[in-house]
């Protein structure tokens, strides 16, 4: 049976603190892979040797992706002063 969006949301809430404790996390969200929803962890850089993210939280898969450094983009109407 496919993992539903509500299951993924509940698992994300349950594991949020542990995931945020991983080094270099820039964000945690939910993504769809095939028929299943998964918890997606965005990382600034690969996790250091010996540090691993959980593979699953409450039967919901955890996918980590290195996104690089997050930089706020300036809006076109913002002043450069």
PDB file of N, CA and C in Angstrom:
ATOM      1  N   UNK A   1       0.844  -1.188   0.000  1.00  0.00           N
ATOM      2  CA  UNK A   1       0.000   0.000   0.000  1.00  0.00           C
ATOM      3  C   UNK A   1       0.882   1.242   0.000  1.00  0.00           C
ATOM      4  N   UNK A   2       0.552   2.208  -0.806  1.00  0.00           N
ATOM      5  CA  UNK A   2       1.352   3.425  -0.950  1.00  0.00           C
ATOM      6  C   UNK A   2       1.293   4.279   0.314  1.00  0.00           C
ATOM      7  N   UNK A   3       2.389   4.996   0.572  1.00  0.00           N
ATOM      8  CA  UNK A   3       2.444   5.936   1.691  1.00  0.00           C
ATOM      9  C   UNK A   3       1.669   7.186   1.291  1.00  0.00           C
ATOM     10  N   UNK A   4       0.721   7.577   2.126  1.00  0.00           N
ATOM     11  CA  UNK A   4      -0.122   8.730   1.821  1.00  0.00           C
ATOM     12  C   UNK A   4       0.533  10.026   2.299  1.00  0.00           C
ATOM     13  N   UNK A   5       0.009  11.126   1.809  1.00  0.00           N
ATOM     14  CA  UNK A   5       0.503  12.436   2.218  1.00  0.00           C
ATOM     15  C   UNK A   5       0.322  12.641   3.720  1.00  0.00           C
ATOM     16  N   UNK A   6      -0.799  12.217   4.264  1.00  0.00           N
ATOM     17  CA  UNK A   6      -1.021  12.392   5.710  1.00  0.00           C
ATOM     18  C   UNK A   6      -0.047  11.541   6.528  1.00  0.00           C
ATOM     19  N   UNK A   7       0.288  10.343   6.046  1.00  0.00           N
ATOM     20  CA  UNK A   7       1.291   9.529   6.737  1.00  0.00           C
ATOM     21  C   UNK A   7       2.659  10.209   6.697  1.00  0.00           C
ATOM     22  N   UNK A   8       3.007  10.766   5.537  1.00  0.00           N
ATOM     23  CA  UNK A   8       4.299  11.448   5.402  1.00  0.00           C
ATOM     24  C   UNK A   8       4.358  12.678   6.295  1.00  0.00           C
ATOM     25  N   UNK A   9       3.270  13.431   6.370  1.00  0.00           N
ATOM     26  CA  UNK A   9       3.241  14.615   7.242  1.00  0.00           C
ATOM     27  C   UNK A   9       3.425  14.220   8.713  1.00  0.00           C
ATOM     28  N   UNK A  10       2.749  13.172   9.126  1.00  0.00           N
ATOM     29  CA  UNK A  10       2.863  12.720  10.515  1.00  0.00           C
ATOM     30  C   UNK A  10       4.287  12.239  10.814  1.00  0.00           C
ATOM     31  N   UNK A  11       4.888  11.511   9.887  1.00  0.00           N
ATOM     32  CA  UNK A  11       6.259  11.023  10.087  1.00  0.00           C
ATOM     33  C   UNK A  11       7.247  12.184  10.112  1.00  0.00           C
ATOM     34  N   UNK A  12       7.035  13.165   9.247  1.00  0.00           N
ATOM     35  CA  UNK A  12       7.908  14.351   9.235  1.00  0.00           C
ATOM     36  C   UNK A  12       7.842  15.063  10.588  1.00  0.00           C
ATOM     37  N   UNK A  13       6.639  15.260  11.107  1.00  0.00           N
ATOM     38  CA  UNK A  13       6.489  15.908  12.419  1.00  0.00           C
ATOM     39  C   UNK A  13       7.166  15.088  13.511  1.00  0.00           C
ATOM     40  N   UNK A  14       7.026  13.788  13.436  1.00  0.00           N
ATOM     41  CA  UNK A  14       7.604  12.893  14.448  1.00  0.00           C
ATOM     42  C   UNK A  14       9.136  12.922  14.420  1.00  0.00           C
ATOM     43  N   UNK A  15       9.737  12.981  13.228  1.00  0.00           N
ATOM     44  CA  UNK A  15      11.186  12.908  13.118  1.00  0.00           C
ATOM     45  C   UNK A  15      11.897  14.227  12.901  1.00  0.00           C
ATOM     46  N   UNK A  16      11.152  15.326  12.905  1.00  0.00           N
ATOM     47  CA  UNK A  16      11.716  16.638  12.578  1.00  0.00           C
ATOM     48  C   UNK A  16      12.930  17.009  13.432  1.00  0.00           C
ATOM     49  N   UNK A  17      12.840  16.847  14.731  1.00  0.00           N
ATOM     50  CA  UNK A  17      13.942  17.226  15.616  1.00  0.00           C
ATOM     51  C   UNK A  17      15.203  16.424  15.319  1.00  0.00           C
ATOM     52  N   UNK A  18      15.051  15.131  15.110  1.00  0.00           N
ATOM     53  CA  UNK A  18      16.211  14.283  14.819  1.00  0.00           C
ATOM     54  C   UNK A  18      16.829  14.651  13.473  1.00  0.00           C
ATOM     55  N   UNK A  19      16.004  14.955  12.484  1.00  0.00           N
ATOM     56  CA  UNK A  19      16.527  15.316  11.168  1.00  0.00           C
ATOM     57  C   UNK A  19      17.215  16.675  11.202  1.00  0.00           C
ATOM     58  N   UNK A  20      16.638  17.633  11.909  1.00  0.00           N
ATOM     59  CA  UNK A  20      17.254  18.958  12.018  1.00  0.00           C
ATOM     60  C   UNK A  20      18.585  18.914  12.771  1.00  0.00           C
ATOM     61  N   UNK A  21      18.789  17.884  13.580  1.00  0.00           N
ATOM     62  CA  UNK A  21      20.045  17.742  14.317  1.00  0.00           C
ATOM     63  C   UNK A  21      21.186  17.255  13.428  1.00  0.00           C
ATOM     64  N   UNK A  22      20.875  16.757  12.241  1.00  0.00           N
ATOM     65  CA  UNK A  22      21.936  16.327  11.316  1.00  0.00           C
ATOM     66  C   UNK A  22      22.716  17.551  10.844  1.00  0.00           C
ATOM     67  N   UNK A  23      24.024  17.436  10.670  1.00  0.00           N
ATOM     68  CA  UNK A  23      24.815  18.584  10.241  1.00  0.00           C
ATOM     69  C   UNK A  23      24.522  18.978   8.789  1.00  0.00           C
ATOM     70  N   UNK A  24      24.367  20.282   8.558  1.00  0.00           N
ATOM     71  CA  UNK A  24      24.200  20.789   7.209  1.00  0.00           C
ATOM     72  C   UNK A  24      22.803  20.734   6.634  1.00  0.00           C
ATOM     73  N   UNK A  25      21.794  20.493   7.475  1.00  0.00           N
ATOM     74  CA  UNK A  25      20.415  20.453   6.979  1.00  0.00           C
ATOM     75  C   UNK A  25      19.954  21.878   6.677  1.00  0.00           C
ATOM     76  N   UNK A  26      19.434  22.081   5.466  1.00  0.00           N
ATOM     77  CA  UNK A  26      18.903  23.392   5.086  1.00  0.00           C
ATOM     78  C   UNK A  26      17.386  23.393   4.992  1.00  0.00           C
ATOM     79  N   UNK A  27      16.784  22.220   5.019  1.00  0.00           N
ATOM     80  CA  UNK A  27      15.334  22.149   4.967  1.00  0.00           C
ATOM     81  C   UNK A  27      14.830  20.729   4.990  1.00  0.00           C
ATOM     82  N   UNK A  28      13.584  20.596   5.429  1.00  0.00           N
ATOM     83  CA  UNK A  28      12.924  19.293   5.474  1.00  0.00           C
ATOM     84  C   UNK A  28      11.554  19.465   4.839  1.00  0.00           C
ATOM     85  N   UNK A  29      11.223  18.569   3.936  1.00  0.00           N
ATOM     86  CA  UNK A  29       9.937  18.658   3.274  1.00  0.00           C
ATOM     87  C   UNK A  29       9.388  17.292   2.946  1.00  0.00           C
ATOM     88  N   UNK A  30       8.410  17.284   2.063  1.00  0.00           N
ATOM     89  CA  UNK A  30       7.778  16.053   1.618  1.00  0.00           C
ATOM     90  C   UNK A  30       7.815  16.051   0.095  1.00  0.00           C
ATOM     91  N   UNK A  31       8.113  14.902  -0.469  1.00  0.00           N
ATOM     92  CA  UNK A  31       8.181  14.758  -1.920  1.00  0.00           C
ATOM     93  C   UNK A  31       7.479  13.470  -2.306  1.00  0.00           C
ATOM     94  N   UNK A  32       7.138  13.349  -3.564  1.00  0.00           N
ATOM     95  CA  UNK A  32       6.495  12.130  -4.041  1.00  0.00           C
ATOM     96  C   UNK A  32       7.465  11.372  -4.929  1.00  0.00           C
ATOM     97  N   UNK A  33       7.632  10.093  -4.630  1.00  0.00           N
ATOM     98  CA  UNK A  33       8.482   9.200  -5.416  1.00  0.00           C
ATOM     99  C   UNK A  33       7.609   8.022  -5.820  1.00  0.00           C
ATOM    100  N   UNK A  34       7.325   7.928  -7.103  1.00  0.00           N
ATOM    101  CA  UNK A  34       6.406   6.881  -7.559  1.00  0.00           C
ATOM    102  C   UNK A  34       5.040   7.111  -6.952  1.00  0.00           C
ATOM    103  N   UNK A  35       4.490   6.083  -6.329  1.00  0.00           N
ATOM    104  CA  UNK A  35       3.179   6.199  -5.684  1.00  0.00           C
ATOM    105  C   UNK A  35       3.268   6.627  -4.225  1.00  0.00           C
ATOM    106  N   UNK A  36       4.485   6.708  -3.688  1.00  0.00           N
ATOM    107  CA  UNK A  36       4.687   6.994  -2.267  1.00  0.00           C
ATOM    108  C   UNK A  36       5.126   8.427  -2.018  1.00  0.00           C
ATOM    109  N   UNK A  37       4.715   8.949  -0.878  1.00  0.00           N
ATOM    110  CA  UNK A  37       5.267  10.203  -0.380  1.00  0.00           C
ATOM    111  C   UNK A  37       6.446   9.864   0.514  1.00  0.00           C
ATOM    112  N   UNK A  38       7.474  10.693   0.495  1.00  0.00           N
ATOM    113  CA  UNK A  38       8.678  10.482   1.293  1.00  0.00           C
ATOM    114  C   UNK A  38       9.033  11.782   2.010  1.00  0.00           C
ATOM    115  N   UNK A  39       9.859  11.652   3.038  1.00  0.00           N
ATOM    116  CA  UNK A  39      10.415  12.825   3.710  1.00  0.00           C
ATOM    117  C   UNK A  39      11.689  13.188   2.968  1.00  0.00           C
ATOM    118  N   UNK A  40      11.797  14.435   2.545  1.00  0.00           N
ATOM    119  CA  UNK A  40      12.980  14.880   1.815  1.00  0.00           C
ATOM    120  C   UNK A  40      13.791  15.814   2.710  1.00  0.00           C
ATOM    121  N   UNK A  41      15.067  15.485   2.850  1.00  0.00           N
ATOM    122  CA  UNK A  41      15.980  16.291   3.662  1.00  0.00           C
ATOM    123  C   UNK A  41      16.979  16.955   2.723  1.00  0.00           C
ATOM    124  N   UNK A  42      16.981  18.277   2.715  1.00  0.00           N
ATOM    125  CA  UNK A  42      17.927  19.033   1.897  1.00  0.00           C
ATOM    126  C   UNK A  42      19.175  19.319   2.715  1.00  0.00           C
ATOM    127  N   UNK A  43      20.327  19.027   2.126  1.00  0.00           N
ATOM    128  CA  UNK A  43      21.609  19.205   2.813  1.00  0.00           C
ATOM    129  C   UNK A  43      22.476  20.215   2.071  1.00  0.00           C
ATOM    130  N   UNK A  44      23.260  20.969   2.829  1.00  0.00           N
ATOM    131  CA  UNK A  44      24.223  21.913   2.259  1.00  0.00           C
ATOM    132  C   UNK A  44      25.387  21.161   1.626  1.00  0.00           C
ATOM    133  N   UNK A  45      25.794  20.061   2.248  1.00  0.00           N
ATOM    134  CA  UNK A  45      26.907  19.236   1.778  1.00  0.00           C
ATOM    135  C   UNK A  45      26.663  17.806   2.248  1.00  0.00           C
ATOM    136  N   UNK A  46      27.373  16.837   1.692  1.00  0.00           N
ATOM    137  CA  UNK A  46      27.166  15.448   2.143  1.00  0.00           C
ATOM    138  C   UNK A  46      27.403  15.307   3.650  1.00  0.00           C
ATOM    139  N   UNK A  47      26.694  14.380   4.249  1.00  0.00           N
ATOM    140  CA  UNK A  47      26.888  14.123   5.679  1.00  0.00           C
ATOM    141  C   UNK A  47      28.308  13.626   5.922  1.00  0.00           C
ATOM    142  N   UNK A  48      28.901  14.024   7.041  1.00  0.00           N
ATOM    143  CA  UNK A  48      30.258  13.563   7.350  1.00  0.00           C
ATOM    144  C   UNK A  48      30.307  12.042   7.520  1.00  0.00           C
ATOM    145  N   UNK A  49      31.496  11.492   7.353  1.00  0.00           N
ATOM    146  CA  UNK A  49      31.691  10.054   7.546  1.00  0.00           C
ATOM    147  C   UNK A  49      31.198   9.651   8.932  1.00  0.00           C
ATOM    148  N   UNK A  50      30.487   8.578   8.994  1.00  0.00           N
ATOM    149  CA  UNK A  50      29.989   8.068  10.265  1.00  0.00           C
ATOM    150  C   UNK A  50      28.646   8.641  10.685  1.00  0.00           C
ATOM    151  N   UNK A  51      28.156   9.661   9.981  1.00  0.00           N
ATOM    152  CA  UNK A  51      26.853  10.245  10.303  1.00  0.00           C
ATOM    153  C   UNK A  51      25.864   9.786   9.235  1.00  0.00           C
ATOM    154  N   UNK A  52      24.781   9.186   9.666  1.00  0.00           N
ATOM    155  CA  UNK A  52      23.778   8.705   8.719  1.00  0.00           C
ATOM    156  C   UNK A  52      22.395   9.207   9.124  1.00  0.00           C
ATOM    157  N   UNK A  53      21.605   9.478   8.124  1.00  0.00           N
ATOM    158  CA  UNK A  53      20.206   9.837   8.358  1.00  0.00           C
ATOM    159  C   UNK A  53      19.414   8.546   8.488  1.00  0.00           C
ATOM    160  N   UNK A  54      18.324   8.575   9.219  1.00  0.00           N
ATOM    161  CA  UNK A  54      17.488   7.368   9.283  1.00  0.00           C
ATOM    162  C   UNK A  54      16.951   7.032   7.900  1.00  0.00           C
ATOM    163  N   UNK A  55      16.863   5.769   7.584  1.00  0.00           N
ATOM    164  CA  UNK A  55      16.332   5.332   6.290  1.00  0.00           C
ATOM    165  C   UNK A  55      14.817   5.510   6.230  1.00  0.00           C
ATOM    166  N   UNK A  56      14.176   5.347   7.384  1.00  0.00           N
ATOM    167  CA  UNK A  56      12.721   5.454   7.468  1.00  0.00           C
ATOM    168  C   UNK A  56      12.335   6.046   8.813  1.00  0.00           C
ATOM    169  N   UNK A  57      11.226   6.745   8.812  1.00  0.00           N
ATOM    170  CA  UNK A  57      10.614   7.226  10.047  1.00  0.00           C
ATOM    171  C   UNK A  57       9.148   6.832   9.963  1.00  0.00           C
ATOM    172  N   UNK A  58       8.709   6.033  10.921  1.00  0.00           N
ATOM    173  CA  UNK A  58       7.309   5.563  10.955  1.00  0.00           C
ATOM    174  C   UNK A  58       6.877   4.990   9.607  1.00  0.00           C
ATOM    175  N   UNK A  59       7.712   4.136   9.045  1.00  0.00           N
ATOM    176  CA  UNK A  59       7.442   3.456   7.769  1.00  0.00           C
ATOM    177  C   UNK A  59       7.394   4.383   6.558  1.00  0.00           C
ATOM    178  N   UNK A  60       7.917   5.602   6.697  1.00  0.00           N
ATOM    179  CA  UNK A  60       8.012   6.534   5.572  1.00  0.00           C
ATOM    180  C   UNK A  60       9.495   6.695   5.241  1.00  0.00           C
ATOM    181  N   UNK A  61       9.849   6.505   3.974  1.00  0.00           N
ATOM    182  CA  UNK A  61      11.249   6.602   3.551  1.00  0.00           C
ATOM    183  C   UNK A  61      11.768   8.032   3.701  1.00  0.00           C
ATOM    184  N   UNK A  62      13.056   8.126   4.021  1.00  0.00           N
ATOM    185  CA  UNK A  62      13.743   9.411   4.137  1.00  0.00           C
ATOM    186  C   UNK A  62      14.737   9.499   2.981  1.00  0.00           C
ATOM    187  N   UNK A  63      14.621  10.538   2.179  1.00  0.00           N
ATOM    188  CA  UNK A  63      15.537  10.775   1.056  1.00  0.00           C
ATOM    189  C   UNK A  63      16.336  12.031   1.340  1.00  0.00           C
ATOM    190  N   UNK A  64      17.658  11.924   1.292  1.00  0.00           N
ATOM    191  CA  UNK A  64      18.534  13.079   1.488  1.00  0.00           C
ATOM    192  C   UNK A  64      19.081  13.522   0.138  1.00  0.00           C
ATOM    193  N   UNK A  65      19.146  14.836  -0.065  1.00  0.00           N
ATOM    194  CA  UNK A  65      19.683  15.377  -1.307  1.00  0.00           C
ATOM    195  C   UNK A  65      20.574  16.574  -0.984  1.00  0.00           C
ATOM    196  N   UNK A  66      21.772  16.567  -1.538  1.00  0.00           N
ATOM    197  CA  UNK A  66      22.696  17.685  -1.361  1.00  0.00           C
ATOM    198  C   UNK A  66      22.269  18.788  -2.322  1.00  0.00           C
ATOM    199  N   UNK A  67      21.876  19.923  -1.758  1.00  0.00           N
ATOM    200  CA  UNK A  67      21.384  21.054  -2.546  1.00  0.00           C
ATOM    201  C   UNK A  67      22.425  22.171  -2.643  1.00  0.00           C
ATOM    202  N   UNK A  68      23.414  22.127  -1.760  1.00  0.00           N
ATOM    203  CA  UNK A  68      24.381  23.214  -1.715  1.00  0.00           C
ATOM    204  C   UNK A  68      23.911  24.305  -0.768  1.00  0.00           C
ATOM    205  N   UNK A  69      24.625  25.402  -0.802  1.00  0.00           N
ATOM    206  CA  UNK A  69      24.327  26.533   0.086  1.00  0.00           C
ATOM    207  C   UNK A  69      23.049  27.226  -0.380  1.00  0.00           C
ATOM    208  N   UNK A  70      22.202  27.569   0.563  1.00  0.00           N
ATOM    209  CA  UNK A  70      20.957  28.267   0.253  1.00  0.00           C
ATOM    210  C   UNK A  70      21.220  29.763   0.373  1.00  0.00           C
ATOM    211  N   UNK A  71      20.873  30.496  -0.683  1.00  0.00           N
ATOM    212  CA  UNK A  71      21.096  31.938  -0.712  1.00  0.00           C
ATOM    213  C   UNK A  71      19.781  32.627  -1.012  1.00  0.00           C
ATOM    214  N   UNK A  72      19.464  33.631  -0.216  1.00  0.00           N
ATOM    215  CA  UNK A  72      18.250  34.396  -0.442  1.00  0.00           C
ATOM    216  C   UNK A  72      18.422  35.224  -1.713  1.00  0.00           C
ATOM    217  N   UNK A  73      17.440  35.137  -2.591  1.00  0.00           N
ATOM    218  CA  UNK A  73      17.489  35.940  -3.820  1.00  0.00           C
ATOM    219  C   UNK A  73      16.813  37.274  -3.564  1.00  0.00           C
ATOM    220  N   UNK A  74      17.381  38.294  -4.154  1.00  0.00           N
ATOM    221  CA  UNK A  74      16.827  39.636  -4.022  1.00  0.00           C
ATOM    222  C   UNK A  74      15.688  39.785  -5.018  1.00  0.00           C
ATOM    223  N   UNK A  75      14.586  40.349  -4.571  1.00  0.00           N
ATOM    224  CA  UNK A  75      13.464  40.614  -5.464  1.00  0.00           C
ATOM    225  C   UNK A  75      13.807  41.775  -6.382  1.00  0.00           C
ATOM    226  N   UNK A  76      13.213  41.813  -7.535  1.00  0.00           N
ATOM    227  CA  UNK A  76      13.487  42.850  -8.519  1.00  0.00           C
ATOM    228  C   UNK A  76      13.124  44.242  -7.994  1.00  0.00           C
ATOM    229  N   UNK A  77      12.144  44.326  -7.100  1.00  0.00           N
ATOM    230  CA  UNK A  77      11.719  45.639  -6.595  1.00  0.00           C
ATOM    231  C   UNK A  77      12.453  46.062  -5.321  1.00  0.00           C
ATOM    232  N   UNK A  78      13.408  45.237  -4.839  1.00  0.00           N
ATOM    233  CA  UNK A  78      14.172  45.591  -3.642  1.00  0.00           C
ATOM    234  C   UNK A  78      15.290  46.554  -3.994  1.00  0.00           C
ATOM    235  N   UNK A  79      15.551  47.452  -3.084  1.00  0.00           N
ATOM    236  CA  UNK A  79      16.634  48.407  -3.260  1.00  0.00           C
ATOM    237  C   UNK A  79      17.981  47.718  -3.026  1.00  0.00           C
ATOM    238  N   UNK A  80      19.014  48.172  -3.709  1.00  0.00           N
ATOM    239  CA  UNK A  80      20.361  47.630  -3.522  1.00  0.00           C
ATOM    240  C   UNK A  80      21.144  48.450  -2.496  1.00  0.00           C
ATOM    241  N   UNK A  81      20.486  49.466  -1.898  1.00  0.00           N
ATOM    242  CA  UNK A  81      21.160  50.315  -0.897  1.00  0.00           C
ATOM    243  C   UNK A  81      21.389  49.592   0.380  1.00  0.00           C
TER     244      UNK A  81
END
